[in-house]
């Protein structure tokens, strides 16, 4: 497997940070569920974590339905941001 260049690493970092921006609601293609990003931490391109909370749209408001959890799973290509700037 070929090593990635510094430019490619920066591109990966920027895409991950944009996808997991605090306040984004992400629809998981695998689980078919929505998660609100409440925190994103990255020290370098390989050391990062995101804290999310499962939410549902209830009466027009994104409402938490489970406790927050932290993970390091990269987004699937089919995962998508469905809302931005949602308050936790």
PDB file of N, CA and C in Angstrom:
ATOM      1  N   UNK A   1       0.841  -1.174   0.000  1.00  0.00           N
ATOM      2  CA  UNK A   1       0.000   0.000   0.000  1.00  0.00           C
ATOM      3  C   UNK A   1       0.892   1.244   0.000  1.00  0.00           C
ATOM      4  N   UNK A   2       0.578   2.175  -0.843  1.00  0.00           N
ATOM      5  CA  UNK A   2       1.386   3.387  -0.971  1.00  0.00           C
ATOM      6  C   UNK A   2       1.158   4.323   0.212  1.00  0.00           C
ATOM      7  N   UNK A   3       2.209   5.008   0.600  1.00  0.00           N
ATOM      8  CA  UNK A   3       2.098   5.997   1.673  1.00  0.00           C
ATOM      9  C   UNK A   3       1.379   7.228   1.129  1.00  0.00           C
ATOM     10  N   UNK A   4       0.674   7.916   2.020  1.00  0.00           N
ATOM     11  CA  UNK A   4       0.000   9.125   1.577  1.00  0.00           C
ATOM     12  C   UNK A   4       0.935  10.318   1.729  1.00  0.00           C
ATOM     13  N   UNK A   5       0.715  11.305   0.901  1.00  0.00           N
ATOM     14  CA  UNK A   5       1.531  12.510   0.952  1.00  0.00           C
ATOM     15  C   UNK A   5       1.019  13.434   2.057  1.00  0.00           C
ATOM     16  N   UNK A   6       1.814  14.433   2.379  1.00  0.00           N
ATOM     17  CA  UNK A   6       1.408  15.408   3.385  1.00  0.00           C
ATOM     18  C   UNK A   6       0.136  16.126   2.938  1.00  0.00           C
ATOM     19  N   UNK A   7       0.039  16.451   1.660  1.00  0.00           N
ATOM     20  CA  UNK A   7      -1.147  17.123   1.122  1.00  0.00           C
ATOM     21  C   UNK A   7      -2.382  16.235   1.258  1.00  0.00           C
ATOM     22  N   UNK A   8      -2.216  14.936   0.989  1.00  0.00           N
ATOM     23  CA  UNK A   8      -3.342  14.006   1.129  1.00  0.00           C
ATOM     24  C   UNK A   8      -3.765  13.884   2.588  1.00  0.00           C
ATOM     25  N   UNK A   9      -2.797  13.861   3.493  1.00  0.00           N
ATOM     26  CA  UNK A   9      -3.107  13.782   4.927  1.00  0.00           C
ATOM     27  C   UNK A   9      -3.879  15.018   5.372  1.00  0.00           C
ATOM     28  N   UNK A  10      -3.489  16.176   4.875  1.00  0.00           N
ATOM     29  CA  UNK A  10      -4.195  17.412   5.216  1.00  0.00           C
ATOM     30  C   UNK A  10      -5.609  17.407   4.657  1.00  0.00           C
ATOM     31  N   UNK A  11      -5.781  16.832   3.480  1.00  0.00           N
ATOM     32  CA  UNK A  11      -7.099  16.724   2.862  1.00  0.00           C
ATOM     33  C   UNK A  11      -8.001  15.800   3.693  1.00  0.00           C
ATOM     34  N   UNK A  12      -7.455  14.692   4.139  1.00  0.00           N
ATOM     35  CA  UNK A  12      -8.198  13.750   4.980  1.00  0.00           C
ATOM     36  C   UNK A  12      -8.601  14.435   6.285  1.00  0.00           C
ATOM     37  N   UNK A  13      -7.658  15.140   6.893  1.00  0.00           N
ATOM     38  CA  UNK A  13      -7.912  15.869   8.135  1.00  0.00           C
ATOM     39  C   UNK A  13      -9.046  16.875   7.951  1.00  0.00           C
ATOM     40  N   UNK A  14      -8.979  17.667   6.896  1.00  0.00           N
ATOM     41  CA  UNK A  14      -9.983  18.702   6.655  1.00  0.00           C
ATOM     42  C   UNK A  14     -11.363  18.095   6.416  1.00  0.00           C
ATOM     43  N   UNK A  15     -11.419  17.014   5.652  1.00  0.00           N
ATOM     44  CA  UNK A  15     -12.706  16.368   5.367  1.00  0.00           C
ATOM     45  C   UNK A  15     -13.302  15.768   6.636  1.00  0.00           C
ATOM     46  N   UNK A  16     -12.463  15.128   7.459  1.00  0.00           N
ATOM     47  CA  UNK A  16     -12.943  14.535   8.710  1.00  0.00           C
ATOM     48  C   UNK A  16     -13.443  15.618   9.657  1.00  0.00           C
ATOM     49  N   UNK A  17     -12.677  16.692   9.798  1.00  0.00           N
ATOM     50  CA  UNK A  17     -13.058  17.787  10.690  1.00  0.00           C
ATOM     51  C   UNK A  17     -14.361  18.439  10.233  1.00  0.00           C
ATOM     52  N   UNK A  18     -14.551  18.602   8.935  1.00  0.00           N
ATOM     53  CA  UNK A  18     -15.788  19.196   8.416  1.00  0.00           C
ATOM     54  C   UNK A  18     -16.976  18.273   8.661  1.00  0.00           C
ATOM     55  N   UNK A  19     -16.791  16.988   8.427  1.00  0.00           N
ATOM     56  CA  UNK A  19     -17.872  16.022   8.622  1.00  0.00           C
ATOM     57  C   UNK A  19     -18.286  15.955  10.089  1.00  0.00           C
ATOM     58  N   UNK A  20     -17.290  15.929  10.982  1.00  0.00           N
ATOM     59  CA  UNK A  20     -17.561  15.794  12.410  1.00  0.00           C
ATOM     60  C   UNK A  20     -17.553  17.145  13.140  1.00  0.00           C
ATOM     61  N   UNK A  21     -17.922  18.210  12.458  1.00  0.00           N
ATOM     62  CA  UNK A  21     -17.981  19.523  13.101  1.00  0.00           C
ATOM     63  C   UNK A  21     -19.059  19.514  14.188  1.00  0.00           C
ATOM     64  N   UNK A  22     -18.733  20.133  15.315  1.00  0.00           N
ATOM     65  CA  UNK A  22     -19.690  20.202  16.422  1.00  0.00           C
ATOM     66  C   UNK A  22     -20.972  20.864  15.922  1.00  0.00           C
ATOM     67  N   UNK A  23     -22.102  20.249  16.232  1.00  0.00           N
ATOM     68  CA  UNK A  23     -23.404  20.752  15.800  1.00  0.00           C
ATOM     69  C   UNK A  23     -23.953  20.072  14.564  1.00  0.00           C
ATOM     70  N   UNK A  24     -23.133  19.244  13.903  1.00  0.00           N
ATOM     71  CA  UNK A  24     -23.628  18.498  12.749  1.00  0.00           C
ATOM     72  C   UNK A  24     -24.469  17.315  13.208  1.00  0.00           C
ATOM     73  N   UNK A  25     -25.551  17.067  12.489  1.00  0.00           N
ATOM     74  CA  UNK A  25     -26.328  15.842  12.674  1.00  0.00           C
ATOM     75  C   UNK A  25     -25.997  14.966  11.481  1.00  0.00           C
ATOM     76  N   UNK A  26     -25.515  13.762  11.777  1.00  0.00           N
ATOM     77  CA  UNK A  26     -25.048  12.848  10.741  1.00  0.00           C
ATOM     78  C   UNK A  26     -25.971  11.643  10.666  1.00  0.00           C
ATOM     79  N   UNK A  27     -26.377  11.301   9.449  1.00  0.00           N
ATOM     80  CA  UNK A  27     -27.167  10.096   9.209  1.00  0.00           C
ATOM     81  C   UNK A  27     -26.206   8.975   8.857  1.00  0.00           C
ATOM     82  N   UNK A  28     -26.171   7.945   9.696  1.00  0.00           N
ATOM     83  CA  UNK A  28     -25.312   6.786   9.453  1.00  0.00           C
ATOM     84  C   UNK A  28     -25.973   5.875   8.431  1.00  0.00           C
ATOM     85  N   UNK A  29     -25.266   5.597   7.344  1.00  0.00           N
ATOM     86  CA  UNK A  29     -25.825   4.710   6.327  1.00  0.00           C
ATOM     87  C   UNK A  29     -25.905   3.272   6.835  1.00  0.00           C
ATOM     88  N   UNK A  30     -25.007   2.896   7.725  1.00  0.00           N
ATOM     89  CA  UNK A  30     -24.983   1.526   8.248  1.00  0.00           C
ATOM     90  C   UNK A  30     -26.121   1.294   9.241  1.00  0.00           C
ATOM     91  N   UNK A  31     -26.255   2.198  10.220  1.00  0.00           N
ATOM     92  CA  UNK A  31     -27.255   2.019  11.275  1.00  0.00           C
ATOM     93  C   UNK A  31     -28.607   2.641  10.917  1.00  0.00           C
ATOM     94  N   UNK A  32     -28.624   3.576   9.989  1.00  0.00           N
ATOM     95  CA  UNK A  32     -29.867   4.258   9.645  1.00  0.00           C
ATOM     96  C   UNK A  32     -30.352   5.156  10.778  1.00  0.00           C
ATOM     97  N   UNK A  33     -29.418   5.658  11.577  1.00  0.00           N
ATOM     98  CA  UNK A  33     -29.745   6.495  12.731  1.00  0.00           C
ATOM     99  C   UNK A  33     -29.015   7.827  12.617  1.00  0.00           C
ATOM    100  N   UNK A  34     -29.534   8.817  13.335  1.00  0.00           N
ATOM    101  CA  UNK A  34     -28.931  10.146  13.354  1.00  0.00           C
ATOM    102  C   UNK A  34     -28.127  10.339  14.631  1.00  0.00           C
ATOM    103  N   UNK A  35     -26.981  10.992  14.506  1.00  0.00           N
ATOM    104  CA  UNK A  35     -26.129  11.323  15.652  1.00  0.00           C
ATOM    105  C   UNK A  35     -25.747  12.786  15.592  1.00  0.00           C
ATOM    106  N   UNK A  36     -25.808  13.448  16.746  1.00  0.00           N
ATOM    107  CA  UNK A  36     -25.386  14.835  16.878  1.00  0.00           C
ATOM    108  C   UNK A  36     -23.947  14.859  17.377  1.00  0.00           C
ATOM    109  N   UNK A  37     -23.083  15.574  16.679  1.00  0.00           N
ATOM    110  CA  UNK A  37     -21.693  15.712  17.098  1.00  0.00           C
ATOM    111  C   UNK A  37     -21.639  16.753  18.224  1.00  0.00           C
ATOM    112  N   UNK A  38     -21.138  16.332  19.392  1.00  0.00           N
ATOM    113  CA  UNK A  38     -21.038  17.245  20.538  1.00  0.00           C
ATOM    114  C   UNK A  38     -19.596  17.646  20.831  1.00  0.00           C
ATOM    115  N   UNK A  39     -18.618  16.891  20.323  1.00  0.00           N
ATOM    116  CA  UNK A  39     -17.202  17.240  20.510  1.00  0.00           C
ATOM    117  C   UNK A  39     -16.373  16.534  19.445  1.00  0.00           C
ATOM    118  N   UNK A  40     -15.311  17.218  19.016  1.00  0.00           N
ATOM    119  CA  UNK A  40     -14.355  16.636  18.073  1.00  0.00           C
ATOM    120  C   UNK A  40     -12.971  17.039  18.537  1.00  0.00           C
ATOM    121  N   UNK A  41     -12.098  16.057  18.729  1.00  0.00           N
ATOM    122  CA  UNK A  41     -10.732  16.309  19.203  1.00  0.00           C
ATOM    123  C   UNK A  41      -9.749  15.641  18.256  1.00  0.00           C
ATOM    124  N   UNK A  42      -8.719  16.399  17.886  1.00  0.00           N
ATOM    125  CA  UNK A  42      -7.700  15.847  16.993  1.00  0.00           C
ATOM    126  C   UNK A  42      -6.359  16.456  17.360  1.00  0.00           C
ATOM    127  N   UNK A  43      -5.383  15.588  17.602  1.00  0.00           N
ATOM    128  CA  UNK A  43      -4.036  16.080  17.878  1.00  0.00           C
ATOM    129  C   UNK A  43      -3.158  15.973  16.638  1.00  0.00           C
ATOM    130  N   UNK A  44      -3.450  15.009  15.786  1.00  0.00           N
ATOM    131  CA  UNK A  44      -2.812  14.898  14.479  1.00  0.00           C
ATOM    132  C   UNK A  44      -3.729  14.041  13.617  1.00  0.00           C
ATOM    133  N   UNK A  45      -3.336  13.789  12.379  1.00  0.00           N
ATOM    134  CA  UNK A  45      -4.227  13.085  11.449  1.00  0.00           C
ATOM    135  C   UNK A  45      -4.575  11.670  11.879  1.00  0.00           C
ATOM    136  N   UNK A  46      -3.772  11.076  12.752  1.00  0.00           N
ATOM    137  CA  UNK A  46      -4.064   9.701  13.149  1.00  0.00           C
ATOM    138  C   UNK A  46      -4.584   9.595  14.579  1.00  0.00           C
ATOM    139  N   UNK A  47      -4.570  10.684  15.329  1.00  0.00           N
ATOM    140  CA  UNK A  47      -5.043  10.652  16.709  1.00  0.00           C
ATOM    141  C   UNK A  47      -6.206  11.623  16.843  1.00  0.00           C
ATOM    142  N   UNK A  48      -7.412  11.062  16.848  1.00  0.00           N
ATOM    143  CA  UNK A  48      -8.607  11.885  16.914  1.00  0.00           C
ATOM    144  C   UNK A  48      -9.726  11.086  17.564  1.00  0.00           C
ATOM    145  N   UNK A  49     -10.757  11.794  17.988  1.00  0.00           N
ATOM    146  CA  UNK A  49     -11.970  11.144  18.494  1.00  0.00           C
ATOM    147  C   UNK A  49     -13.137  12.100  18.317  1.00  0.00           C
ATOM    148  N   UNK A  50     -14.309  11.531  18.284  1.00  0.00           N
ATOM    149  CA  UNK A  50     -15.531  12.321  18.152  1.00  0.00           C
ATOM    150  C   UNK A  50     -16.531  11.817  19.185  1.00  0.00           C
ATOM    151  N   UNK A  51     -17.247  12.748  19.804  1.00  0.00           N
ATOM    152  CA  UNK A  51     -18.306  12.396  20.745  1.00  0.00           C
ATOM    153  C   UNK A  51     -19.630  12.731  20.077  1.00  0.00           C
ATOM    154  N   UNK A  52     -20.499  11.738  20.038  1.00  0.00           N
ATOM    155  CA  UNK A  52     -21.800  11.889  19.385  1.00  0.00           C
ATOM    156  C   UNK A  52     -22.902  11.414  20.315  1.00  0.00           C
ATOM    157  N   UNK A  53     -24.105  11.863  20.016  1.00  0.00           N
ATOM    158  CA  UNK A  53     -25.262  11.451  20.792  1.00  0.00           C
ATOM    159  C   UNK A  53     -26.373  11.117  19.808  1.00  0.00           C
ATOM    160  N   UNK A  54     -26.961   9.930  19.957  1.00  0.00           N
ATOM    161  CA  UNK A  54     -28.057   9.524  19.084  1.00  0.00           C
ATOM    162  C   UNK A  54     -29.225  10.473  19.311  1.00  0.00           C
ATOM    163  N   UNK A  55     -29.780  10.987  18.201  1.00  0.00           N
ATOM    164  CA  UNK A  55     -30.897  11.911  18.266  1.00  0.00           C
ATOM    165  C   UNK A  55     -32.001  11.487  17.302  1.00  0.00           C
ATOM    166  N   UNK A  56     -33.208  11.977  17.582  1.00  0.00           N
ATOM    167  CA  UNK A  56     -34.345  11.799  16.675  1.00  0.00           C
ATOM    168  C   UNK A  56     -35.016  13.152  16.507  1.00  0.00           C
ATOM    169  N   UNK A  57     -35.606  13.349  15.340  1.00  0.00           N
ATOM    170  CA  UNK A  57     -36.331  14.580  15.069  1.00  0.00           C
ATOM    171  C   UNK A  57     -37.742  14.424  15.632  1.00  0.00           C
ATOM    172  N   UNK A  58     -38.003  15.144  16.714  1.00  0.00           N
ATOM    173  CA  UNK A  58     -39.302  15.069  17.392  1.00  0.00           C
ATOM    174  C   UNK A  58     -39.899  16.469  17.410  1.00  0.00           C
ATOM    175  N   UNK A  59     -41.066  16.619  16.814  1.00  0.00           N
ATOM    176  CA  UNK A  59     -41.735  17.926  16.731  1.00  0.00           C
ATOM    177  C   UNK A  59     -40.805  19.015  16.202  1.00  0.00           C
ATOM    178  N   UNK A  60     -40.022  18.673  15.183  1.00  0.00           N
ATOM    179  CA  UNK A  60     -39.144  19.644  14.540  1.00  0.00           C
ATOM    180  C   UNK A  60     -37.855  19.947  15.285  1.00  0.00           C
ATOM    181  N   UNK A  61     -37.581  19.253  16.392  1.00  0.00           N
ATOM    182  CA  UNK A  61     -36.371  19.475  17.183  1.00  0.00           C
ATOM    183  C   UNK A  61     -35.560  18.193  17.253  1.00  0.00           C
ATOM    184  N   UNK A  62     -34.240  18.313  17.107  1.00  0.00           N
ATOM    185  CA  UNK A  62     -33.368  17.161  17.302  1.00  0.00           C
ATOM    186  C   UNK A  62     -33.271  16.905  18.803  1.00  0.00           C
ATOM    187  N   UNK A  63     -33.722  15.747  19.230  1.00  0.00           N
ATOM    188  CA  UNK A  63     -33.808  15.407  20.646  1.00  0.00           C
ATOM    189  C   UNK A  63     -32.949  14.185  20.945  1.00  0.00           C
ATOM    190  N   UNK A  64     -32.102  14.296  21.980  1.00  0.00           N
ATOM    191  CA  UNK A  64     -31.243  13.175  22.374  1.00  0.00           C
ATOM    192  C   UNK A  64     -32.097  12.030  22.887  1.00  0.00           C
ATOM    193  N   UNK A  65     -31.768  10.813  22.443  1.00  0.00           N
ATOM    194  CA  UNK A  65     -32.513   9.637  22.874  1.00  0.00           C
ATOM    195  C   UNK A  65     -31.605   8.591  23.532  1.00  0.00           C
ATOM    196  N   UNK A  66     -30.318   8.863  23.561  1.00  0.00           N
ATOM    197  CA  UNK A  66     -29.343   7.982  24.216  1.00  0.00           C
ATOM    198  C   UNK A  66     -28.222   8.842  24.776  1.00  0.00           C
ATOM    199  N   UNK A  67     -27.474   8.311  25.745  1.00  0.00           N
ATOM    200  CA  UNK A  67     -26.314   9.049  26.263  1.00  0.00           C
ATOM    201  C   UNK A  67     -25.240   9.219  25.177  1.00  0.00           C
ATOM    202  N   UNK A  68     -24.391  10.214  25.362  1.00  0.00           N
ATOM    203  CA  UNK A  68     -23.299  10.457  24.422  1.00  0.00           C
ATOM    204  C   UNK A  68     -22.289   9.314  24.488  1.00  0.00           C
ATOM    205  N   UNK A  69     -21.582   9.111  23.370  1.00  0.00           N
ATOM    206  CA  UNK A  69     -20.519   8.112  23.308  1.00  0.00           C
ATOM    207  C   UNK A  69     -19.393   8.674  22.457  1.00  0.00           C
ATOM    208  N   UNK A  70     -18.188   8.222  22.733  1.00  0.00           N
ATOM    209  CA  UNK A  70     -17.012   8.677  21.996  1.00  0.00           C
ATOM    210  C   UNK A  70     -16.465   7.526  21.164  1.00  0.00           C
ATOM    211  N   UNK A  71     -16.072   7.835  19.920  1.00  0.00           N
ATOM    212  CA  UNK A  71     -15.505   6.798  19.053  1.00  0.00           C
ATOM    213  C   UNK A  71     -14.449   7.394  18.132  1.00  0.00           C
ATOM    214  N   UNK A  72     -13.787   6.505  17.394  1.00  0.00           N
ATOM    215  CA  UNK A  72     -12.754   6.886  16.423  1.00  0.00           C
ATOM    216  C   UNK A  72     -13.024   6.230  15.077  1.00  0.00           C
ATOM    217  N   UNK A  73     -14.264   6.011  14.757  1.00  0.00           N
ATOM    218  CA  UNK A  73     -14.615   5.359  13.509  1.00  0.00           C
ATOM    219  C   UNK A  73     -14.784   6.405  12.415  1.00  0.00           C
ATOM    220  N   UNK A  74     -14.002   6.261  11.342  1.00  0.00           N
ATOM    221  CA  UNK A  74     -14.148   7.194  10.230  1.00  0.00           C
ATOM    222  C   UNK A  74     -15.534   7.069   9.618  1.00  0.00           C
ATOM    223  N   UNK A  75     -15.982   8.153   9.026  1.00  0.00           N
ATOM    224  CA  UNK A  75     -17.285   8.163   8.372  1.00  0.00           C
ATOM    225  C   UNK A  75     -17.257   7.257   7.148  1.00  0.00           C
ATOM    226  N   UNK A  76     -18.358   6.605   6.909  1.00  0.00           N
ATOM    227  CA  UNK A  76     -18.550   5.813   5.703  1.00  0.00           C
ATOM    228  C   UNK A  76     -18.814   6.788   4.545  1.00  0.00           C
ATOM    229  N   UNK A  77     -18.461   6.409   3.355  1.00  0.00           N
ATOM    230  CA  UNK A  77     -18.690   7.289   2.201  1.00  0.00           C
ATOM    231  C   UNK A  77     -20.157   7.636   2.020  1.00  0.00           C
ATOM    232  N   UNK A  78     -21.053   6.780   2.505  1.00  0.00           N
ATOM    233  CA  UNK A  78     -22.484   7.021   2.333  1.00  0.00           C
ATOM    234  C   UNK A  78     -23.103   7.770   3.509  1.00  0.00           C
ATOM    235  N   UNK A  79     -22.363   7.966   4.618  1.00  0.00           N
ATOM    236  CA  UNK A  79     -22.867   8.769   5.733  1.00  0.00           C
ATOM    237  C   UNK A  79     -23.003  10.208   5.244  1.00  0.00           C
ATOM    238  N   UNK A  80     -24.001  10.914   5.756  1.00  0.00           N
ATOM    239  CA  UNK A  80     -24.143  12.293   5.297  1.00  0.00           C
ATOM    240  C   UNK A  80     -24.601  13.209   6.418  1.00  0.00           C
ATOM    241  N   UNK A  81     -24.180  14.452   6.305  1.00  0.00           N
ATOM    242  CA  UNK A  81     -24.590  15.494   7.237  1.00  0.00           C
ATOM    243  C   UNK A  81     -25.967  15.967   6.797  1.00  0.00           C
ATOM    244  N   UNK A  82     -26.955  15.898   7.706  1.00  0.00           N
ATOM    245  CA  UNK A  82     -28.318  16.292   7.352  1.00  0.00           C
ATOM    246  C   UNK A  82     -28.727  17.617   7.992  1.00  0.00           C
ATOM    247  N   UNK A  83     -27.952  18.077   8.974  1.00  0.00           N
ATOM    248  CA  UNK A  83     -28.214  19.375   9.623  1.00  0.00           C
ATOM    249  C   UNK A  83     -26.901  19.897  10.191  1.00  0.00           C
ATOM    250  N   UNK A  84     -26.789  21.211  10.258  1.00  0.00           N
ATOM    251  CA  UNK A  84     -25.582  21.838  10.814  1.00  0.00           C
ATOM    252  C   UNK A  84     -25.991  22.869  11.845  1.00  0.00           C
ATOM    253  N   UNK A  85     -25.099  23.098  12.805  1.00  0.00           N
ATOM    254  CA  UNK A  85     -25.335  24.145  13.796  1.00  0.00           C
ATOM    255  C   UNK A  85     -26.400  23.823  14.824  1.00  0.00           C
ATOM    256  N   UNK A  86     -26.633  22.536  15.070  1.00  0.00           N
ATOM    257  CA  UNK A  86     -27.637  22.123  16.048  1.00  0.00           C
ATOM    258  C   UNK A  86     -27.017  22.203  17.440  1.00  0.00           C
ATOM    259  N   UNK A  87     -27.720  22.823  18.368  1.00  0.00           N
ATOM    260  CA  UNK A  87     -27.211  22.935  19.748  1.00  0.00           C
ATOM    261  C   UNK A  87     -27.376  21.613  20.474  1.00  0.00           C
ATOM    262  N   UNK A  88     -26.381  21.293  21.274  1.00  0.00           N
ATOM    263  CA  UNK A  88     -26.423  20.027  22.033  1.00  0.00           C
ATOM    264  C   UNK A  88     -27.379  20.141  23.191  1.00  0.00           C
TER     265      UNK A  88
END
